[in-house]
Amino acid sequence: MDVFEAIKMRHSVRSYQKTPVEPEKLDAVLNAARLAPSANNRQEWRFVVVTDKDTRRELAKAAKNQTFVGEAPVVIACAAKTDHHVMSCGQLCYPIDVTIAIDHMTLAATALGLGTCWIGAFFTDEVRAILNIPDDIEVVELLTLGYPTTEPQEKRRLPLAEIVYRESWSSSGGEE
């Protein structure tokens, strides 16, 4: 599957088969994150891979009782070992860099026939405690991973003409 097909097919999966994810596929997904770009090549991202059933269930509770989190064969806590560096544009590096790495994982997973779901609704302190993540590590997202039970639906997205401005914000494009 090429990258454009993966982009088209990728969707949030909230129902997973019980089939475990093969170690080589999991490693391929994690390697996609490792190869992601980062500001100043800082590579601040860190990942805690959870396959233990009881731990996944605890994470589901910490994720505001989203039961599908515990049903996914793999949950990846996506974090950053960071010095909180701010880029010259005024943005922190680590949330952006971890997000890019997660996106690489989601596309790699899709290409391998796996599904994912970004989880931003969780209690950080609970995830930290469950996974023994030190206080100086920033937990950014959780990512579920496994074989989906559902097929992707057509994506409803705004047309390019509504989101793209050419040469300046005041050019024809986006509707306000």
N, C-alpha and C. Protein backbone atom coordinates (compact mmCIF):
# COMPACT_ATOMS: atom_id res chain seq x y z
N MET A 1 0.86 -1.17 0.00
CA MET A 1 0.00 0.00 0.00
C MET A 1 0.90 1.23 0.00
N ASP A 2 0.64 2.17 -0.91
CA ASP A 2 1.45 3.38 -0.90
C ASP A 2 0.92 4.37 0.14
N VAL A 3 1.68 5.40 0.39
CA VAL A 3 1.35 6.34 1.46
C VAL A 3 0.01 7.04 1.21
N PHE A 4 -0.32 7.34 -0.03
CA PHE A 4 -1.60 8.02 -0.30
C PHE A 4 -2.78 7.11 -0.02
N GLU A 5 -2.63 5.83 -0.31
CA GLU A 5 -3.69 4.87 0.02
C GLU A 5 -3.81 4.72 1.53
N ALA A 6 -2.68 4.67 2.24
CA ALA A 6 -2.72 4.57 3.70
C ALA A 6 -3.41 5.79 4.30
N ILE A 7 -3.11 6.97 3.78
CA ILE A 7 -3.77 8.19 4.27
C ILE A 7 -5.28 8.10 4.06
N LYS A 8 -5.66 7.63 2.89
CA LYS A 8 -7.09 7.51 2.57
C LYS A 8 -7.79 6.47 3.45
N MET A 9 -7.11 5.35 3.73
CA MET A 9 -7.73 4.24 4.46
C MET A 9 -7.68 4.39 5.98
N ARG A 10 -6.74 5.18 6.51
CA ARG A 10 -6.58 5.29 7.95
C ARG A 10 -7.83 5.89 8.60
N HIS A 11 -8.29 5.26 9.65
CA HIS A 11 -9.45 5.76 10.40
C HIS A 11 -9.32 5.36 11.86
N SER A 12 -10.08 6.00 12.71
CA SER A 12 -10.05 5.69 14.13
C SER A 12 -10.79 4.38 14.39
N VAL A 13 -10.09 3.43 14.97
CA VAL A 13 -10.65 2.10 15.23
C VAL A 13 -10.98 2.00 16.72
N ARG A 14 -12.22 1.64 17.00
CA ARG A 14 -12.65 1.50 18.39
C ARG A 14 -13.22 0.12 18.67
N SER A 15 -12.92 -0.82 17.77
CA SER A 15 -13.34 -2.20 17.95
C SER A 15 -12.28 -3.09 17.31
N TYR A 16 -11.67 -3.94 18.15
CA TYR A 16 -10.53 -4.74 17.71
C TYR A 16 -10.81 -6.22 17.82
N GLN A 17 -10.22 -6.99 16.90
CA GLN A 17 -10.23 -8.44 16.99
C GLN A 17 -9.32 -8.84 18.16
N LYS A 18 -9.51 -10.03 18.66
CA LYS A 18 -8.67 -10.52 19.76
C LYS A 18 -7.30 -10.99 19.25
N THR A 19 -7.12 -11.04 17.96
CA THR A 19 -5.87 -11.49 17.34
C THR A 19 -4.70 -10.63 17.82
N PRO A 20 -3.65 -11.25 18.35
CA PRO A 20 -2.48 -10.46 18.75
C PRO A 20 -1.77 -9.86 17.53
N VAL A 21 -1.09 -8.77 17.77
CA VAL A 21 -0.27 -8.15 16.72
C VAL A 21 1.08 -8.86 16.69
N GLU A 22 1.47 -9.32 15.52
CA GLU A 22 2.73 -10.03 15.37
C GLU A 22 3.89 -9.11 15.75
N PRO A 23 4.90 -9.65 16.46
CA PRO A 23 6.03 -8.83 16.90
C PRO A 23 6.71 -8.07 15.76
N GLU A 24 6.83 -8.70 14.59
CA GLU A 24 7.49 -8.00 13.48
C GLU A 24 6.66 -6.82 12.97
N LYS A 25 5.33 -6.93 13.03
CA LYS A 25 4.49 -5.80 12.64
C LYS A 25 4.56 -4.69 13.69
N LEU A 26 4.54 -5.08 14.95
CA LEU A 26 4.67 -4.08 16.01
C LEU A 26 6.00 -3.35 15.89
N ASP A 27 7.07 -4.08 15.66
CA ASP A 27 8.38 -3.45 15.49
C ASP A 27 8.41 -2.53 14.28
N ALA A 28 7.76 -2.92 13.19
CA ALA A 28 7.71 -2.07 11.99
C ALA A 28 6.98 -0.76 12.28
N VAL A 29 5.90 -0.84 13.05
CA VAL A 29 5.16 0.36 13.43
C VAL A 29 6.02 1.26 14.31
N LEU A 30 6.70 0.67 15.28
CA LEU A 30 7.57 1.45 16.17
C LEU A 30 8.76 2.03 15.41
N ASN A 31 9.27 1.30 14.46
CA ASN A 31 10.38 1.81 13.67
C ASN A 31 9.95 3.00 12.81
N ALA A 32 8.70 3.00 12.36
CA ALA A 32 8.18 4.15 11.61
C ALA A 32 8.24 5.41 12.49
N ALA A 33 7.94 5.25 13.77
CA ALA A 33 8.03 6.39 14.70
C ALA A 33 9.48 6.83 14.86
N ARG A 34 10.37 5.88 14.96
CA ARG A 34 11.79 6.18 15.14
C ARG A 34 12.34 6.98 13.97
N LEU A 35 11.80 6.75 12.79
CA LEU A 35 12.28 7.42 11.58
C LEU A 35 11.62 8.77 11.33
N ALA A 36 10.69 9.16 12.18
CA ALA A 36 10.00 10.44 12.00
C ALA A 36 10.96 11.61 12.20
N PRO A 37 10.68 12.73 11.55
CA PRO A 37 11.49 13.92 11.76
C PRO A 37 11.18 14.55 13.12
N SER A 38 12.12 15.32 13.62
CA SER A 38 11.91 16.06 14.87
C SER A 38 12.71 17.35 14.81
N ALA A 39 12.27 18.33 15.56
CA ALA A 39 12.94 19.63 15.59
C ALA A 39 14.39 19.45 16.04
N ASN A 40 15.31 20.01 15.28
CA ASN A 40 16.75 19.90 15.57
C ASN A 40 17.19 18.45 15.77
N ASN A 41 16.45 17.51 15.21
CA ASN A 41 16.73 16.08 15.36
C ASN A 41 16.84 15.69 16.83
N ARG A 42 15.98 16.29 17.67
CA ARG A 42 16.03 16.07 19.12
C ARG A 42 15.57 14.66 19.51
N GLN A 43 14.67 14.08 18.74
CA GLN A 43 14.19 12.71 18.98
C GLN A 43 13.75 12.50 20.44
N GLU A 44 12.92 13.39 20.92
CA GLU A 44 12.50 13.35 22.32
C GLU A 44 11.47 12.27 22.62
N TRP A 45 10.87 11.71 21.58
CA TRP A 45 9.80 10.75 21.80
C TRP A 45 10.28 9.49 22.52
N ARG A 46 9.39 8.95 23.31
CA ARG A 46 9.61 7.69 24.01
C ARG A 46 8.26 6.95 24.00
N PHE A 47 8.30 5.63 23.99
CA PHE A 47 7.07 4.84 23.87
C PHE A 47 7.08 3.69 24.87
N VAL A 48 5.96 3.53 25.56
CA VAL A 48 5.77 2.38 26.44
C VAL A 48 4.73 1.49 25.76
N VAL A 49 5.15 0.30 25.36
CA VAL A 49 4.30 -0.63 24.64
C VAL A 49 3.68 -1.59 25.65
N VAL A 50 2.36 -1.64 25.65
CA VAL A 50 1.64 -2.46 26.63
C VAL A 50 0.82 -3.52 25.90
N THR A 51 1.11 -4.78 26.21
CA THR A 51 0.33 -5.90 25.67
C THR A 51 -0.35 -6.70 26.78
N ASP A 52 0.07 -6.52 28.01
CA ASP A 52 -0.51 -7.24 29.14
C ASP A 52 -1.99 -6.85 29.30
N LYS A 53 -2.84 -7.86 29.34
CA LYS A 53 -4.30 -7.65 29.39
C LYS A 53 -4.73 -6.82 30.59
N ASP A 54 -4.21 -7.15 31.77
CA ASP A 54 -4.63 -6.43 32.98
C ASP A 54 -4.18 -4.96 32.95
N THR A 55 -2.98 -4.74 32.45
CA THR A 55 -2.48 -3.36 32.36
C THR A 55 -3.29 -2.57 31.35
N ARG A 56 -3.65 -3.20 30.24
CA ARG A 56 -4.48 -2.51 29.23
C ARG A 56 -5.84 -2.14 29.83
N ARG A 57 -6.38 -3.01 30.64
CA ARG A 57 -7.67 -2.70 31.29
C ARG A 57 -7.54 -1.53 32.26
N GLU A 58 -6.42 -1.48 32.98
CA GLU A 58 -6.16 -0.33 33.87
C GLU A 58 -6.05 0.95 33.06
N LEU A 59 -5.38 0.86 31.92
CA LEU A 59 -5.25 2.04 31.06
C LEU A 59 -6.61 2.48 30.53
N ALA A 60 -7.48 1.53 30.24
CA ALA A 60 -8.84 1.88 29.79
C ALA A 60 -9.57 2.69 30.85
N LYS A 61 -9.42 2.30 32.11
CA LYS A 61 -10.03 3.07 33.20
C LYS A 61 -9.43 4.47 33.28
N ALA A 62 -8.09 4.56 33.13
CA ALA A 62 -7.42 5.85 33.17
C ALA A 62 -7.80 6.71 31.96
N ALA A 63 -8.25 6.04 30.90
CA ALA A 63 -8.69 6.75 29.69
C ALA A 63 -10.20 7.00 29.77
N LYS A 64 -10.62 7.43 30.94
CA LYS A 64 -12.02 7.80 31.18
C LYS A 64 -12.99 6.68 30.83
N ASN A 65 -12.59 5.46 31.20
CA ASN A 65 -13.43 4.27 31.03
C ASN A 65 -13.80 3.98 29.58
N GLN A 66 -12.90 4.27 28.66
CA GLN A 66 -13.11 3.90 27.26
C GLN A 66 -12.70 2.43 27.11
N THR A 67 -13.69 1.55 27.20
CA THR A 67 -13.40 0.12 27.29
C THR A 67 -12.61 -0.42 26.09
N PHE A 68 -12.80 0.16 24.91
CA PHE A 68 -12.09 -0.36 23.74
C PHE A 68 -10.58 -0.22 23.89
N VAL A 69 -10.13 0.71 24.73
CA VAL A 69 -8.70 0.87 24.96
C VAL A 69 -8.15 -0.42 25.56
N GLY A 70 -8.86 -1.01 26.49
CA GLY A 70 -8.43 -2.26 27.10
C GLY A 70 -8.61 -3.46 26.21
N GLU A 71 -9.47 -3.36 25.21
CA GLU A 71 -9.73 -4.47 24.30
C GLU A 71 -8.72 -4.51 23.16
N ALA A 72 -8.06 -3.42 22.87
CA ALA A 72 -7.03 -3.41 21.82
C ALA A 72 -5.88 -4.29 22.28
N PRO A 73 -5.31 -5.09 21.39
CA PRO A 73 -4.20 -5.97 21.78
C PRO A 73 -2.95 -5.23 22.22
N VAL A 74 -2.80 -3.99 21.75
CA VAL A 74 -1.63 -3.18 22.11
C VAL A 74 -2.09 -1.77 22.42
N VAL A 75 -1.54 -1.22 23.49
CA VAL A 75 -1.70 0.20 23.78
C VAL A 75 -0.30 0.78 23.92
N ILE A 76 -0.07 1.87 23.21
CA ILE A 76 1.24 2.51 23.25
C ILE A 76 1.08 3.87 23.93
N ALA A 77 1.78 4.04 25.04
CA ALA A 77 1.82 5.36 25.69
C ALA A 77 2.92 6.15 24.99
N CYS A 78 2.54 7.26 24.40
CA CYS A 78 3.46 8.09 23.62
C CYS A 78 3.86 9.27 24.48
N ALA A 79 5.15 9.37 24.74
CA ALA A 79 5.65 10.33 25.71
C ALA A 79 6.89 11.04 25.17
N ALA A 80 7.42 11.95 25.99
CA ALA A 80 8.62 12.68 25.58
C ALA A 80 9.55 12.86 26.77
N LYS A 81 10.81 12.59 26.51
CA LYS A 81 11.88 12.94 27.45
C LYS A 81 12.40 14.28 26.94
N THR A 82 12.02 15.35 27.61
CA THR A 82 12.19 16.68 27.02
C THR A 82 12.80 17.68 27.98
N ASP A 83 13.44 18.68 27.40
CA ASP A 83 13.90 19.82 28.18
C ASP A 83 12.99 21.02 27.93
N HIS A 84 11.84 20.76 27.30
CA HIS A 84 10.81 21.78 27.01
C HIS A 84 11.34 22.88 26.10
N HIS A 85 12.17 22.49 25.16
CA HIS A 85 12.72 23.43 24.18
C HIS A 85 11.59 24.08 23.38
N VAL A 86 11.68 25.38 23.21
CA VAL A 86 10.72 26.14 22.42
C VAL A 86 11.39 26.53 21.11
N MET A 87 10.72 26.23 20.00
CA MET A 87 11.24 26.60 18.69
C MET A 87 11.11 28.11 18.50
N SER A 88 11.81 28.66 17.53
CA SER A 88 11.79 30.11 17.31
C SER A 88 10.39 30.61 16.94
N CYS A 89 9.51 29.72 16.48
CA CYS A 89 8.13 30.11 16.18
C CYS A 89 7.27 30.21 17.43
N GLY A 90 7.84 29.85 18.58
CA GLY A 90 7.11 29.97 19.84
C GLY A 90 6.43 28.69 20.30
N GLN A 91 6.56 27.60 19.54
CA GLN A 91 5.91 26.34 19.89
C GLN A 91 6.90 25.40 20.58
N LEU A 92 6.39 24.67 21.57
CA LEU A 92 7.19 23.60 22.18
C LEU A 92 7.47 22.52 21.13
N CYS A 93 8.67 21.98 21.15
CA CYS A 93 9.04 20.91 20.21
C CYS A 93 8.30 19.61 20.51
N TYR A 94 8.32 19.19 21.78
CA TYR A 94 7.94 17.81 22.08
C TYR A 94 6.52 17.42 21.69
N PRO A 95 5.49 18.27 21.89
CA PRO A 95 4.16 17.78 21.49
C PRO A 95 4.04 17.61 19.98
N ILE A 96 4.70 18.48 19.24
CA ILE A 96 4.65 18.39 17.78
C ILE A 96 5.43 17.18 17.31
N ASP A 97 6.62 16.99 17.84
CA ASP A 97 7.46 15.87 17.41
C ASP A 97 6.85 14.52 17.76
N VAL A 98 6.28 14.40 18.94
CA VAL A 98 5.63 13.14 19.32
C VAL A 98 4.43 12.90 18.41
N THR A 99 3.71 13.94 18.09
CA THR A 99 2.55 13.82 17.21
C THR A 99 2.95 13.36 15.81
N ILE A 100 4.05 13.89 15.30
CA ILE A 100 4.53 13.44 13.99
C ILE A 100 4.88 11.95 14.06
N ALA A 101 5.55 11.53 15.12
CA ALA A 101 5.90 10.12 15.27
C ALA A 101 4.65 9.24 15.35
N ILE A 102 3.64 9.71 16.07
CA ILE A 102 2.38 8.95 16.16
C ILE A 102 1.75 8.82 14.78
N ASP A 103 1.75 9.90 14.03
CA ASP A 103 1.16 9.85 12.70
C ASP A 103 1.90 8.86 11.81
N HIS A 104 3.22 8.83 11.92
CA HIS A 104 3.99 7.82 11.18
C HIS A 104 3.53 6.41 11.59
N MET A 105 3.31 6.20 12.89
CA MET A 105 2.86 4.88 13.36
C MET A 105 1.49 4.53 12.80
N THR A 106 0.58 5.51 12.78
CA THR A 106 -0.78 5.21 12.30
C THR A 106 -0.78 4.84 10.83
N LEU A 107 0.05 5.53 10.04
CA LEU A 107 0.10 5.21 8.61
C LEU A 107 0.79 3.88 8.36
N ALA A 108 1.86 3.60 9.09
CA ALA A 108 2.53 2.30 8.96
C ALA A 108 1.57 1.18 9.36
N ALA A 109 0.84 1.38 10.44
CA ALA A 109 -0.12 0.37 10.90
C ALA A 109 -1.18 0.11 9.82
N THR A 110 -1.69 1.17 9.24
CA THR A 110 -2.70 1.01 8.19
C THR A 110 -2.14 0.21 7.03
N ALA A 111 -0.92 0.53 6.62
CA ALA A 111 -0.29 -0.19 5.51
C ALA A 111 -0.11 -1.67 5.82
N LEU A 112 -0.01 -2.02 7.10
CA LEU A 112 0.17 -3.41 7.53
C LEU A 112 -1.15 -4.11 7.86
N GLY A 113 -2.28 -3.43 7.60
CA GLY A 113 -3.58 -4.03 7.87
C GLY A 113 -4.04 -3.89 9.31
N LEU A 114 -3.37 -3.03 10.07
CA LEU A 114 -3.73 -2.80 11.47
C LEU A 114 -4.52 -1.50 11.60
N GLY A 115 -5.21 -1.37 12.72
CA GLY A 115 -5.96 -0.16 13.01
C GLY A 115 -5.42 0.52 14.25
N THR A 116 -5.70 1.80 14.37
CA THR A 116 -5.23 2.60 15.49
C THR A 116 -6.31 3.59 15.92
N CYS A 117 -6.15 4.11 17.11
CA CYS A 117 -6.97 5.23 17.56
C CYS A 117 -6.15 6.09 18.51
N TRP A 118 -6.10 7.38 18.22
CA TRP A 118 -5.45 8.34 19.10
C TRP A 118 -6.33 8.52 20.33
N ILE A 119 -5.75 8.49 21.51
CA ILE A 119 -6.50 8.69 22.75
C ILE A 119 -5.91 9.90 23.47
N GLY A 120 -6.68 10.96 23.51
CA GLY A 120 -6.26 12.16 24.23
C GLY A 120 -7.05 12.36 25.51
N ALA A 121 -8.10 11.57 25.68
CA ALA A 121 -8.92 11.66 26.88
C ALA A 121 -8.42 10.64 27.89
N PHE A 122 -7.53 11.09 28.76
CA PHE A 122 -7.00 10.21 29.81
C PHE A 122 -6.47 11.07 30.94
N PHE A 123 -6.34 10.45 32.10
CA PHE A 123 -5.78 11.12 33.26
C PHE A 123 -4.29 10.82 33.32
N THR A 124 -3.50 11.84 33.04
CA THR A 124 -2.06 11.67 32.93
C THR A 124 -1.45 11.04 34.17
N ASP A 125 -1.83 11.51 35.35
CA ASP A 125 -1.24 10.98 36.58
C ASP A 125 -1.54 9.49 36.75
N GLU A 126 -2.73 9.06 36.33
CA GLU A 126 -3.07 7.65 36.43
C GLU A 126 -2.24 6.82 35.45
N VAL A 127 -2.10 7.30 34.22
CA VAL A 127 -1.27 6.59 33.23
C VAL A 127 0.16 6.51 33.72
N ARG A 128 0.65 7.61 34.25
CA ARG A 128 2.01 7.66 34.81
C ARG A 128 2.19 6.59 35.88
N ALA A 129 1.23 6.49 36.78
CA ALA A 129 1.32 5.52 37.88
C ALA A 129 1.24 4.08 37.37
N ILE A 130 0.31 3.82 36.47
CA ILE A 130 0.13 2.46 35.95
C ILE A 130 1.40 1.97 35.25
N LEU A 131 2.04 2.86 34.51
CA LEU A 131 3.19 2.47 33.68
C LEU A 131 4.54 2.87 34.28
N ASN A 132 4.52 3.36 35.51
CA ASN A 132 5.76 3.76 36.18
C ASN A 132 6.56 4.80 35.38
N ILE A 133 5.86 5.73 34.78
CA ILE A 133 6.50 6.78 33.99
C ILE A 133 6.96 7.88 34.95
N PRO A 134 8.23 8.24 34.91
CA PRO A 134 8.74 9.27 35.82
C PRO A 134 8.08 10.63 35.60
N ASP A 135 8.09 11.44 36.63
CA ASP A 135 7.46 12.76 36.57
C ASP A 135 8.10 13.68 35.54
N ASP A 136 9.35 13.47 35.20
CA ASP A 136 10.01 14.37 34.25
C ASP A 136 9.76 13.96 32.79
N ILE A 137 8.96 12.94 32.57
CA ILE A 137 8.59 12.50 31.22
C ILE A 137 7.17 12.98 30.95
N GLU A 138 6.98 13.64 29.81
CA GLU A 138 5.66 14.16 29.44
C GLU A 138 4.87 13.09 28.68
N VAL A 139 3.69 12.75 29.19
CA VAL A 139 2.81 11.81 28.49
C VAL A 139 1.94 12.64 27.55
N VAL A 140 2.01 12.33 26.25
CA VAL A 140 1.33 13.15 25.25
C VAL A 140 0.02 12.51 24.79
N GLU A 141 0.04 11.24 24.44
CA GLU A 141 -1.13 10.54 23.90
C GLU A 141 -1.02 9.06 24.23
N LEU A 142 -2.14 8.38 24.11
CA LEU A 142 -2.16 6.93 24.08
C LEU A 142 -2.56 6.55 22.66
N LEU A 143 -2.07 5.42 22.19
CA LEU A 143 -2.42 4.94 20.86
C LEU A 143 -2.78 3.47 20.96
N THR A 144 -4.01 3.13 20.55
CA THR A 144 -4.40 1.73 20.51
C THR A 144 -3.98 1.16 19.16
N LEU A 145 -3.72 -0.15 19.14
CA LEU A 145 -3.23 -0.81 17.93
C LEU A 145 -3.73 -2.24 17.90
N GLY A 146 -4.22 -2.66 16.76
CA GLY A 146 -4.67 -4.03 16.59
C GLY A 146 -5.39 -4.20 15.27
N TYR A 147 -5.92 -5.40 15.08
CA TYR A 147 -6.68 -5.68 13.86
C TYR A 147 -8.12 -5.20 14.06
N PRO A 148 -8.59 -4.33 13.18
CA PRO A 148 -9.94 -3.78 13.33
C PRO A 148 -11.02 -4.81 13.02
N THR A 149 -12.16 -4.63 13.63
CA THR A 149 -13.33 -5.46 13.30
C THR A 149 -14.23 -4.74 12.29
N THR A 150 -13.91 -3.49 12.02
CA THR A 150 -14.75 -2.68 11.13
C THR A 150 -13.95 -2.22 9.91
N GLU A 151 -14.67 -1.85 8.87
CA GLU A 151 -14.07 -1.29 7.66
C GLU A 151 -14.15 0.23 7.74
N PRO A 152 -13.20 0.92 7.12
CA PRO A 152 -13.25 2.38 7.15
C PRO A 152 -14.47 2.91 6.39
N GLN A 153 -15.02 3.99 6.92
CA GLN A 153 -16.11 4.69 6.26
C GLN A 153 -15.51 5.84 5.46
N GLU A 154 -16.26 6.32 4.49
CA GLU A 154 -15.76 7.46 3.72
C GLU A 154 -15.57 8.65 4.65
N LYS A 155 -14.45 9.32 4.50
CA LYS A 155 -14.14 10.47 5.35
C LYS A 155 -14.90 11.69 4.89
N ARG A 156 -15.46 12.41 5.85
CA ARG A 156 -16.10 13.68 5.55
C ARG A 156 -15.09 14.77 5.86
N ARG A 157 -14.58 15.38 4.84
CA ARG A 157 -13.59 16.43 5.00
C ARG A 157 -14.00 17.64 4.17
N LEU A 158 -13.61 18.80 4.64
CA LEU A 158 -13.86 20.02 3.89
C LEU A 158 -13.09 19.97 2.58
N PRO A 159 -13.63 20.59 1.53
CA PRO A 159 -12.89 20.63 0.27
C PRO A 159 -11.67 21.55 0.39
N LEU A 160 -10.67 21.31 -0.43
CA LEU A 160 -9.46 22.13 -0.42
C LEU A 160 -9.78 23.62 -0.53
N ALA A 161 -10.77 23.96 -1.35
CA ALA A 161 -11.12 25.37 -1.56
C ALA A 161 -11.52 26.08 -0.27
N GLU A 162 -11.94 25.32 0.74
CA GLU A 162 -12.35 25.93 2.01
C GLU A 162 -11.22 25.99 3.04
N ILE A 163 -10.13 25.30 2.78
CA ILE A 163 -9.07 25.26 3.79
C ILE A 163 -7.73 25.78 3.31
N VAL A 164 -7.60 26.00 2.01
CA VAL A 164 -6.31 26.40 1.46
C VAL A 164 -6.37 27.84 0.96
N TYR A 165 -5.42 28.62 1.39
CA TYR A 165 -5.23 29.98 0.91
C TYR A 165 -3.93 29.97 0.12
N ARG A 166 -3.89 30.69 -0.95
CA ARG A 166 -2.68 30.71 -1.78
C ARG A 166 -2.07 32.10 -1.76
N GLU A 167 -0.84 32.13 -1.40
CA GLU A 167 0.00 33.33 -1.35
C GLU A 167 -0.27 34.23 -0.14
N SER A 168 -1.52 34.32 0.34
CA SER A 168 -1.80 35.07 1.57
C SER A 168 -3.17 34.66 2.09
N TRP A 169 -3.42 35.00 3.34
CA TRP A 169 -4.69 34.63 3.97
C TRP A 169 -5.87 35.27 3.23
N SER A 170 -5.66 36.44 2.67
CA SER A 170 -6.75 37.16 2.02
C SER A 170 -7.01 36.71 0.59
N SER A 171 -6.23 35.71 0.12
CA SER A 171 -6.46 35.22 -1.23
C SER A 171 -7.76 34.43 -1.27
N SER A 172 -8.24 34.18 -2.48
CA SER A 172 -9.45 33.37 -2.58
C SER A 172 -9.16 32.01 -1.97
N GLY A 173 -10.06 31.51 -1.23
CA GLY A 173 -9.87 30.25 -0.51
C GLY A 173 -10.72 30.31 0.72
N GLY A 174 -10.46 29.50 1.64
CA GLY A 174 -11.19 29.36 2.89
C GLY A 174 -12.33 30.33 3.12
N GLU A 175 -13.41 29.80 3.61
CA GLU A 175 -14.58 30.63 3.92
C GLU A 175 -14.56 31.00 5.39
N GLU A 176 -14.88 32.21 5.68
CA GLU A 176 -14.91 32.69 7.07
C GLU A 176 -16.33 32.95 7.47
